[in-house]
Amino acid sequence: MFKKIKQSHLFNNFFGFEKNIDITNDVEVLMRKNIVIKNIVLISNIIYTIILTIISLDEKSNWFLTILCLPITYLINRALKNMIYKDKTNYLRQQIAMYICCFYMFLSAILLYTKLKMGLENTYFGEAGYILLYYSLVICSFYQSKKLLKTVYPYVIVLVTIIHFSITYNIIFNKEAMEQEFIITFFTSLEFRDIILRTFIMLAFMLVLYVSVSMSEYLQEERKKELRKRKEVENSYNKVVTDIFNITLKMRPRTKNELSDGRLISIMSGKLANLLGKTDEETKEIEEYANIHLTTNLSLDIPNDLTEEEKFEILKEETDLGSKVIRRLHLERKTEDIIRAHLEGANSLEFTEVMRKIEDDINSQIIMICDMYITLRSARTYKRAINHNNTIALLNDSYRIYYDQVVFERFKQFSLEFADIYDNYEEEEI
């Protein structure tokens, strides 16, 4: 049940520290902490009221205090709410609300302890109320602020010492007691040793809280630094990628023949993928990838009104898509570079080894051999068109070294079918 409550939206709305906030924004973070602590204060007030109600069942005089606490706690929560929400961008107001929450929690714990200790004969109730002092310190530590604890701790020590002497043991120093060597008796008494023990336990507990808060604050600051760096890198990366996409995809509009060849490459690649035993899903992916650089419109203009997670998801999707486009353009460039190098006699052994390592996976080879076939058969500014038989012969004699033998042999085996696709497609387009 508690697990379901924790996972519910209600729990996150009331007690989630990082609910839809930018943790690099100190004001937003502090405001969210104030909201969570305010809700904890509300819950604490309800619990205190229940406790006062329980102890008031035996004494009629206690009902006045119980009833009086209701409007007081309501006004305090109301004041905290106004202070937190009135000016959400005012860091000073949020800090004031933080200190008010902490001091209120500690003072309310003292008052309840006083009531349980002095208002009832059963001392066990008083000791149970003493635990509330530690409870209030834990709540203060939720702010993860060393500065806050440094400010609160001296007041806590002073007030707890006063409580020990005035409430816990009700020790009265007077002239008569001094004359009877009261001090010597007191320093050797069990009460004094108990006060020292309580004080040292309190100090140890405060030290542990301070160390824990220091570690949390340090990790939080480091996390904020990393997030700021990541945002800077994301912005720079976004700009660089946008410029690359704009230059690569928009600087030179594609001609009608290039778009036609792209669709033809997609059809042939799907055909060859089927012949190589690829599944329907894999074949579809290859067909889409073969034409992705001609059909994709990328836009990295992310709206500012989205959350960081939504922006990140959009950026991730667009950059993944952009990476595929760039790789496909690289493959297109590789095909043209190989053909040019062979025509110009620049196909050295070093060049061949470099080209074979670029986009050398089977899917890329399927697309590249179809692209190369279409390019060889088509007229280009640097070459004339070649017929089917001469193209296959040229592929076999000069270009087969760039392909996996299975891919090449399967294309060669069904080359007449690819020739038919090419010829009929051209006739349809013309």
Protein backbone atom coordinates (compact mmCIF):
# COMPACT_ATOMS: atom_id res chain seq x y z
CA MET A 1 0.00 0.00 0.00
CA PHE A 2 2.80 2.41 0.94
CA LYS A 3 4.55 1.61 -2.36
CA LYS A 4 1.40 2.49 -4.31
CA ILE A 5 1.01 5.73 -2.37
CA LYS A 6 4.62 6.63 -3.05
CA GLN A 7 4.20 5.99 -6.78
CA SER A 8 0.95 7.92 -7.00
CA HIS A 9 0.69 11.42 -8.44
CA LEU A 10 -0.70 12.65 -5.11
CA PHE A 11 2.50 11.71 -3.28
CA ASN A 12 4.67 13.33 -5.98
CA ASN A 13 2.59 16.50 -5.93
CA PHE A 14 2.92 16.88 -2.16
CA PHE A 15 6.37 15.48 -1.44
CA GLY A 16 8.31 15.24 -4.72
CA PHE A 17 11.33 17.53 -4.48
CA GLU A 18 12.09 17.64 -8.24
CA LYS A 19 8.60 17.81 -9.68
CA ASN A 20 8.83 19.69 -13.01
CA ILE A 21 11.54 22.09 -11.90
CA ASP A 22 14.88 23.16 -13.28
CA ILE A 23 17.34 22.11 -10.58
CA THR A 24 19.89 24.59 -11.92
CA ASN A 25 17.50 27.39 -10.91
CA ASP A 26 18.09 28.07 -7.20
CA VAL A 27 14.80 29.96 -6.75
CA GLU A 28 12.71 27.16 -8.27
CA VAL A 29 14.50 24.53 -6.19
CA LEU A 30 14.08 26.46 -2.92
CA MET A 31 10.45 27.21 -3.69
CA ARG A 32 9.74 23.53 -4.32
CA LYS A 33 11.47 22.60 -1.06
CA ASN A 34 9.38 25.19 0.77
CA ILE A 35 6.20 23.71 -0.70
CA VAL A 36 7.20 20.20 0.39
CA ILE A 37 8.21 21.35 3.88
CA LYS A 38 4.99 23.36 4.17
CA ASN A 39 3.04 20.17 3.42
CA ILE A 40 5.10 18.34 6.05
CA VAL A 41 4.30 21.13 8.51
CA LEU A 42 0.62 20.69 7.69
CA ILE A 43 0.82 16.96 8.35
CA SER A 44 2.78 17.63 11.55
CA ASN A 45 0.14 20.08 12.76
CA ILE A 46 -2.56 17.49 12.18
CA ILE A 47 -0.55 14.92 14.16
CA TYR A 48 0.07 17.44 16.97
CA THR A 49 -3.64 18.17 17.12
CA ILE A 50 -4.42 14.46 17.35
CA ILE A 51 -1.89 14.09 20.17
CA LEU A 52 -3.36 17.04 22.07
CA THR A 53 -6.85 15.62 21.56
CA ILE A 54 -5.77 12.26 22.99
CA ILE A 55 -4.19 13.76 26.10
CA SER A 56 -7.18 16.09 26.55
CA LEU A 57 -9.55 13.18 27.07
CA ASP A 58 -8.58 12.95 30.74
CA GLU A 59 -8.36 16.65 31.57
CA LYS A 60 -10.97 19.21 30.66
CA SER A 61 -8.46 22.04 30.99
CA ASN A 62 -6.50 20.68 28.05
CA TRP A 63 -9.33 21.24 25.59
CA PHE A 64 -8.75 24.97 25.54
CA LEU A 65 -5.18 24.51 24.26
CA THR A 66 -6.29 21.89 21.74
CA ILE A 67 -9.01 24.11 20.30
CA LEU A 68 -6.72 27.15 20.32
CA CYS A 69 -4.10 25.30 18.24
CA LEU A 70 -6.49 24.83 15.32
CA PRO A 71 -6.75 28.49 14.18
CA ILE A 72 -3.08 29.10 15.03
CA THR A 73 -1.84 26.24 12.86
CA TYR A 74 -4.22 27.27 10.09
CA LEU A 75 -2.93 30.87 10.15
CA ILE A 76 0.68 29.69 10.12
CA ASN A 77 0.14 27.46 7.08
CA ARG A 78 -1.78 30.25 5.40
CA ALA A 79 1.04 32.71 6.02
CA LEU A 80 3.63 30.25 4.72
CA LYS A 81 1.58 29.62 1.60
CA ASN A 82 1.24 33.34 0.88
CA MET A 83 4.94 33.92 1.41
CA ILE A 84 5.91 31.03 -0.87
CA TYR A 85 3.47 31.71 -3.72
CA LYS A 86 3.18 35.51 -3.64
CA ASP A 87 6.48 36.14 -5.42
CA LYS A 88 7.83 32.92 -6.88
CA THR A 89 10.93 34.57 -8.34
CA ASN A 90 11.99 36.36 -5.14
CA TYR A 91 14.82 34.34 -3.61
CA LEU A 92 14.84 36.39 -0.40
CA ARG A 93 11.15 35.66 0.29
CA GLN A 94 11.76 31.96 -0.26
CA GLN A 95 14.68 32.08 2.19
CA ILE A 96 12.52 33.82 4.80
CA ALA A 97 9.86 31.14 4.34
CA MET A 98 12.55 28.49 4.81
CA TYR A 99 13.71 29.95 8.15
CA ILE A 100 10.14 30.42 9.36
CA CYS A 101 9.33 26.77 8.59
CA CYS A 102 12.38 25.55 10.49
CA PHE A 103 11.93 27.72 13.56
CA TYR A 104 8.21 26.99 13.67
CA MET A 105 8.83 23.23 13.59
CA PHE A 106 11.34 23.45 16.41
CA LEU A 107 9.23 25.78 18.58
CA SER A 108 6.10 23.67 18.06
CA ALA A 109 8.07 20.59 19.10
CA ILE A 110 9.23 22.40 22.26
CA LEU A 111 5.67 23.47 23.13
CA LEU A 112 4.30 19.98 22.64
CA TYR A 113 7.13 18.49 24.69
CA THR A 114 6.41 21.00 27.45
CA LYS A 115 2.74 20.07 27.42
CA LEU A 116 3.46 16.32 27.51
CA LYS A 117 6.14 16.65 30.17
CA MET A 118 4.44 19.06 32.56
CA GLY A 119 0.77 18.47 31.87
CA LEU A 120 0.74 14.73 32.52
CA GLU A 121 1.86 12.59 35.39
CA ASN A 122 3.06 9.83 33.08
CA THR A 123 6.71 10.68 32.29
CA TYR A 124 6.78 8.30 29.34
CA PHE A 125 4.60 10.72 27.39
CA GLY A 126 7.15 13.44 28.06
CA GLU A 127 10.00 11.32 26.76
CA ALA A 128 7.97 10.55 23.64
CA GLY A 129 7.53 14.30 23.16
CA TYR A 130 11.30 14.77 23.49
CA ILE A 131 11.72 12.80 20.26
CA LEU A 132 9.89 15.62 18.44
CA LEU A 133 12.98 17.80 18.92
CA TYR A 134 14.95 15.37 16.77
CA TYR A 135 12.02 15.18 14.36
CA SER A 136 12.15 18.96 13.82
CA LEU A 137 15.91 18.82 13.15
CA VAL A 138 15.42 16.14 10.52
CA ILE A 139 12.84 18.31 8.77
CA CYS A 140 15.29 21.22 8.76
CA SER A 141 17.88 18.97 7.13
CA PHE A 142 15.54 18.36 4.18
CA TYR A 143 16.55 21.77 2.86
CA GLN A 144 20.09 20.41 2.36
CA SER A 145 21.56 23.75 3.37
CA LYS A 146 24.68 23.96 5.53
CA LYS A 147 24.09 27.66 6.03
CA LEU A 148 20.63 27.00 7.45
CA LEU A 149 21.93 24.40 9.91
CA LYS A 150 24.77 26.68 11.01
CA THR A 151 22.17 29.37 11.75
CA VAL A 152 19.71 27.07 13.51
CA TYR A 153 22.11 24.95 15.58
CA PRO A 154 23.23 27.62 18.12
CA TYR A 155 19.61 28.49 18.92
CA VAL A 156 18.79 24.80 19.23
CA ILE A 157 21.61 24.19 21.71
CA VAL A 158 20.61 27.20 23.84
CA LEU A 159 16.90 26.32 23.84
CA VAL A 160 17.52 22.62 24.53
CA THR A 161 19.78 23.52 27.46
CA ILE A 162 17.07 25.78 28.89
CA ILE A 163 14.54 22.98 28.39
CA HIS A 164 16.77 20.51 30.24
CA PHE A 165 17.04 22.74 33.28
CA SER A 166 13.54 24.22 33.33
CA ILE A 167 11.26 21.50 31.97
CA THR A 168 13.03 18.14 31.97
CA TYR A 169 14.21 18.46 35.60
CA ASN A 170 12.81 21.82 36.79
CA ILE A 171 16.04 22.76 38.56
CA ILE A 172 15.75 26.00 40.55
CA PHE A 173 18.84 27.98 41.47
CA ASN A 174 18.27 30.25 44.48
CA LYS A 175 20.26 31.78 47.30
CA GLU A 176 19.26 29.11 49.77
CA ALA A 177 20.33 26.33 47.41
CA MET A 178 23.70 28.01 46.85
CA GLU A 179 24.33 28.27 50.58
CA GLN A 180 23.70 24.55 50.96
CA GLU A 181 26.41 23.76 48.47
CA PHE A 182 23.79 23.02 45.87
CA ILE A 183 26.25 23.31 42.99
CA ILE A 184 28.49 20.50 44.25
CA THR A 185 25.49 18.32 44.85
CA PHE A 186 24.04 19.13 41.43
CA PHE A 187 27.24 18.36 39.50
CA THR A 188 27.40 14.92 41.10
CA SER A 189 23.72 14.18 40.65
CA LEU A 190 22.08 11.82 38.16
CA GLU A 191 20.12 14.73 36.73
CA PHE A 192 23.28 16.56 35.69
CA ARG A 193 24.76 13.43 34.13
CA ASP A 194 21.51 12.86 32.26
CA ILE A 195 21.54 16.44 30.95
CA ILE A 196 25.16 16.02 29.77
CA LEU A 197 24.24 12.73 28.09
CA ARG A 198 21.21 14.24 26.38
CA THR A 199 23.29 17.21 25.20
CA PHE A 200 26.06 15.03 23.76
CA ILE A 201 23.54 12.79 21.98
CA MET A 202 21.88 15.87 20.55
CA LEU A 203 25.27 17.24 19.41
CA ALA A 204 26.20 13.91 17.83
CA PHE A 205 22.88 13.78 16.03
CA MET A 206 23.33 17.35 14.79
CA LEU A 207 26.84 16.53 13.59
CA VAL A 208 25.59 13.52 11.63
CA LEU A 209 22.85 15.65 10.06
CA TYR A 210 25.36 18.35 9.17
CA VAL A 211 27.72 15.84 7.53
CA SER A 212 24.82 14.27 5.63
CA VAL A 213 23.59 17.67 4.46
CA SER A 214 27.13 18.69 3.47
CA MET A 215 27.49 15.61 1.31
CA SER A 216 24.06 16.09 -0.26
CA GLU A 217 24.69 19.77 -0.90
CA TYR A 218 28.06 19.03 -2.50
CA LEU A 219 26.59 16.34 -4.76
CA GLN A 220 23.70 18.64 -5.65
CA GLU A 221 26.08 21.46 -6.57
CA GLU A 222 28.17 19.09 -8.68
CA ARG A 223 25.02 17.85 -10.36
CA LYS A 224 23.95 21.40 -11.10
CA LYS A 225 27.37 22.13 -12.60
CA GLU A 226 27.13 19.06 -14.80
CA LEU A 227 23.61 20.00 -15.91
CA ARG A 228 24.73 23.54 -16.75
CA LYS A 229 27.63 22.14 -18.75
CA ARG A 230 25.29 19.71 -20.47
CA LYS A 231 22.92 22.54 -21.37
CA GLU A 232 25.80 24.56 -22.79
CA VAL A 233 27.00 21.56 -24.77
CA GLU A 234 23.46 20.81 -25.95
CA ASN A 235 23.00 24.40 -27.12
CA SER A 236 26.36 24.37 -28.90
CA TYR A 237 25.69 20.94 -30.35
CA ASN A 238 22.22 22.03 -31.43
CA LYS A 239 23.68 25.02 -33.24
CA VAL A 240 26.44 23.01 -34.90
CA VAL A 241 24.08 20.23 -36.00
CA THR A 242 21.55 22.76 -37.27
CA ASP A 243 24.24 24.51 -39.32
CA ILE A 244 25.48 21.18 -40.68
CA PHE A 245 21.98 20.10 -41.65
CA ASN A 246 21.22 23.46 -43.23
CA ILE A 247 24.46 23.47 -45.22
CA THR A 248 24.26 19.80 -46.17
CA LEU A 249 20.58 19.56 -47.01
CA LYS A 250 19.48 23.05 -47.97
CA MET A 251 22.48 24.67 -49.67
CA ARG A 252 21.82 22.86 -52.99
CA PRO A 253 18.25 21.86 -53.82
CA ARG A 254 17.92 18.39 -55.29
CA THR A 255 17.13 18.17 -58.99
CA LYS A 256 14.25 16.19 -60.44
CA ASN A 257 16.67 13.55 -61.77
CA GLU A 258 18.30 13.16 -58.35
CA LEU A 259 14.92 12.66 -56.69
CA SER A 260 13.98 10.15 -59.38
CA ASP A 261 17.26 8.26 -58.96
CA GLY A 262 16.72 8.24 -55.18
CA ARG A 263 13.35 6.54 -55.54
CA LEU A 264 14.83 4.07 -58.00
CA ILE A 265 17.68 3.22 -55.61
CA SER A 266 15.09 2.58 -52.90
CA ILE A 267 13.15 0.16 -55.15
CA MET A 268 16.26 -1.74 -56.24
CA SER A 269 17.63 -1.91 -52.70
CA GLY A 270 14.37 -3.45 -51.51
CA LYS A 271 14.55 -5.99 -54.35
CA LEU A 272 18.15 -6.96 -53.50
CA ALA A 273 17.37 -7.14 -49.80
CA ASN A 274 14.62 -9.67 -50.54
CA LEU A 275 16.98 -11.72 -52.69
CA LEU A 276 19.46 -11.81 -49.81
CA GLY A 277 16.82 -13.22 -47.46
CA LYS A 278 16.07 -10.07 -45.47
CA THR A 279 12.78 -9.98 -43.58
CA ASP A 280 9.96 -7.66 -44.66
CA GLU A 281 10.74 -5.32 -41.77
CA GLU A 282 14.46 -5.22 -42.61
CA THR A 283 13.65 -4.67 -46.29
CA LYS A 284 11.38 -1.75 -45.45
CA GLU A 285 14.11 -0.19 -43.29
CA ILE A 286 16.62 -0.49 -46.13
CA GLU A 287 14.17 1.07 -48.62
CA GLU A 288 13.52 4.00 -46.27
CA TYR A 289 17.21 4.45 -45.51
CA ALA A 290 18.10 4.43 -49.23
CA ASN A 291 15.92 7.49 -49.78
CA ILE A 292 16.13 9.15 -46.35
CA HIS A 293 18.47 11.96 -47.43
CA LEU A 294 15.96 13.08 -50.07
CA THR A 295 12.71 12.76 -48.13
CA THR A 296 13.62 13.99 -44.64
CA ASN A 297 12.97 17.52 -43.44
CA LEU A 298 14.87 18.17 -40.22
CA SER A 299 13.99 20.93 -37.80
CA LEU A 300 15.90 21.55 -34.59
CA ASP A 301 13.88 24.63 -33.64
CA ILE A 302 12.59 23.33 -30.31
CA PRO A 303 9.79 25.37 -28.63
CA ASN A 304 10.81 27.00 -25.35
CA ASP A 305 7.54 26.16 -23.58
CA LEU A 306 8.39 22.45 -23.39
CA THR A 307 9.87 20.74 -20.35
CA GLU A 308 13.53 19.74 -20.29
CA GLU A 309 12.61 16.09 -20.74
CA GLU A 310 10.42 16.87 -23.77
CA LYS A 311 13.14 19.04 -25.29
CA PHE A 312 15.69 16.30 -24.73
CA GLU A 313 13.48 13.67 -26.39
CA ILE A 314 12.86 15.89 -29.44
CA LEU A 315 16.56 16.72 -29.70
CA LYS A 316 17.46 13.04 -29.39
CA GLU A 317 14.98 11.99 -32.10
CA GLU A 318 16.09 14.74 -34.48
CA THR A 319 19.80 14.09 -33.98
CA ASP A 320 19.32 10.34 -34.43
CA LEU A 321 17.47 11.04 -37.66
CA GLY A 322 20.11 13.57 -38.66
CA SER A 323 22.83 11.01 -38.03
CA LYS A 324 21.14 8.62 -40.46
CA VAL A 325 20.85 11.36 -43.07
CA ILE A 326 24.53 12.26 -42.74
CA ARG A 327 25.55 8.59 -43.01
CA ARG A 328 23.39 8.19 -46.12
CA LEU A 329 24.95 11.28 -47.66
CA HIS A 330 28.36 9.88 -46.81
CA LEU A 331 27.44 6.66 -48.59
CA GLU A 332 26.26 8.62 -51.62
CA ARG A 333 29.52 10.55 -51.64
CA LYS A 334 31.48 7.31 -51.30
CA THR A 335 29.80 5.87 -54.41
CA GLU A 336 30.58 8.95 -56.48
CA ASP A 337 34.17 9.17 -55.20
CA ILE A 338 34.84 5.54 -56.16
CA ILE A 339 33.47 5.98 -59.67
CA ARG A 340 35.39 9.23 -60.20
CA ALA A 341 38.61 7.74 -58.86
CA HIS A 342 38.40 4.78 -61.29
CA LEU A 343 37.56 7.04 -64.24
CA GLU A 344 40.43 9.42 -63.41
CA GLY A 345 42.91 6.66 -62.55
CA ALA A 346 43.20 7.69 -58.90
CA ASN A 347 42.10 4.37 -57.47
CA SER A 348 45.28 3.56 -55.59
CA LEU A 349 45.60 0.69 -53.13
CA GLU A 350 45.45 3.15 -50.24
CA PHE A 351 42.30 4.75 -51.66
CA THR A 352 40.67 1.35 -52.06
CA GLU A 353 41.40 0.34 -48.46
CA VAL A 354 40.00 3.62 -47.14
CA MET A 355 36.83 3.33 -49.21
CA ARG A 356 36.22 -0.26 -48.12
CA LYS A 357 36.13 0.81 -44.45
CA ILE A 358 33.51 3.52 -44.99
CA GLU A 359 29.91 2.38 -44.31
CA ASP A 360 30.89 -1.25 -44.85
CA ASP A 361 27.85 -2.97 -43.31
CA ILE A 362 25.69 -5.22 -45.51
CA ASN A 363 22.72 -2.80 -45.65
CA SER A 364 24.98 0.02 -46.85
CA GLN A 365 26.53 -2.28 -49.48
CA ILE A 366 23.08 -3.23 -50.75
CA ILE A 367 22.23 0.44 -51.25
CA MET A 368 25.64 1.35 -52.66
CA ILE A 369 25.71 -1.32 -55.39
CA CYS A 370 22.24 -0.24 -56.55
CA ASP A 371 23.37 3.40 -56.45
CA MET A 372 26.55 2.54 -58.37
CA TYR A 373 24.61 0.60 -61.02
CA ILE A 374 22.22 3.51 -61.58
CA THR A 375 25.07 6.05 -61.64
CA LEU A 376 27.07 4.06 -64.19
CA ARG A 377 24.06 3.64 -66.43
CA SER A 378 23.09 7.32 -66.20
CA ALA A 379 24.79 10.30 -67.79
CA ARG A 380 26.70 12.56 -65.41
CA THR A 381 28.72 15.73 -65.93
CA TYR A 382 31.92 13.72 -65.57
CA LYS A 383 30.84 10.61 -67.56
CA ARG A 384 28.60 9.31 -70.30
CA ALA A 385 25.81 6.76 -69.85
CA ILE A 386 26.76 3.07 -70.12
CA ASN A 387 24.47 0.23 -71.19
CA HIS A 388 23.56 -2.69 -68.94
CA ASN A 389 26.08 -5.26 -70.22
CA ASN A 390 29.02 -2.88 -70.04
CA THR A 391 27.91 -1.74 -66.57
CA ILE A 392 27.86 -5.31 -65.22
CA ALA A 393 31.23 -5.99 -66.82
CA LEU A 394 32.68 -2.83 -65.32
CA LEU A 395 31.26 -3.70 -61.88
CA ASN A 396 32.75 -7.17 -62.13
CA ASP A 397 36.19 -6.03 -63.32
CA SER A 398 36.74 -2.83 -61.32
CA TYR A 399 34.25 -2.41 -58.46
CA ARG A 400 33.56 -5.83 -56.93
CA ILE A 401 36.46 -5.36 -54.47
CA TYR A 402 34.29 -2.82 -52.56
CA TYR A 403 31.51 -5.33 -51.84
CA ASP A 404 30.88 -8.44 -49.86
CA GLN A 405 30.98 -11.31 -52.35
CA VAL A 406 27.53 -12.59 -51.41
CA VAL A 407 26.00 -9.17 -52.07
CA PHE A 408 27.84 -8.74 -55.35
CA GLU A 409 27.14 -12.24 -56.69
CA ARG A 410 23.46 -12.01 -55.85
CA PHE A 411 23.18 -8.65 -57.64
CA LYS A 412 25.09 -10.03 -60.62
CA GLN A 413 22.97 -13.20 -60.70
CA PHE A 414 19.73 -11.20 -60.97
CA SER A 415 21.19 -8.28 -62.91
CA LEU A 416 18.65 -8.66 -65.73
CA GLU A 417 15.82 -8.10 -63.26
CA PHE A 418 17.54 -4.93 -62.01
CA ALA A 419 18.01 -3.82 -65.63
CA ASP A 420 14.31 -4.34 -66.21
CA ILE A 421 13.47 -2.23 -63.14
CA TYR A 422 15.79 0.53 -64.34
CA ASP A 423 14.51 0.56 -67.94
CA ASN A 424 10.83 0.39 -67.07
CA TYR A 425 11.15 2.98 -64.33
CA GLU A 426 12.79 5.43 -66.73
CA GLU A 427 10.07 4.86 -69.30
CA GLU A 428 7.36 5.48 -66.69
CA GLU A 429 9.01 8.66 -65.43
CA ILE A 430 9.63 10.01 -68.92
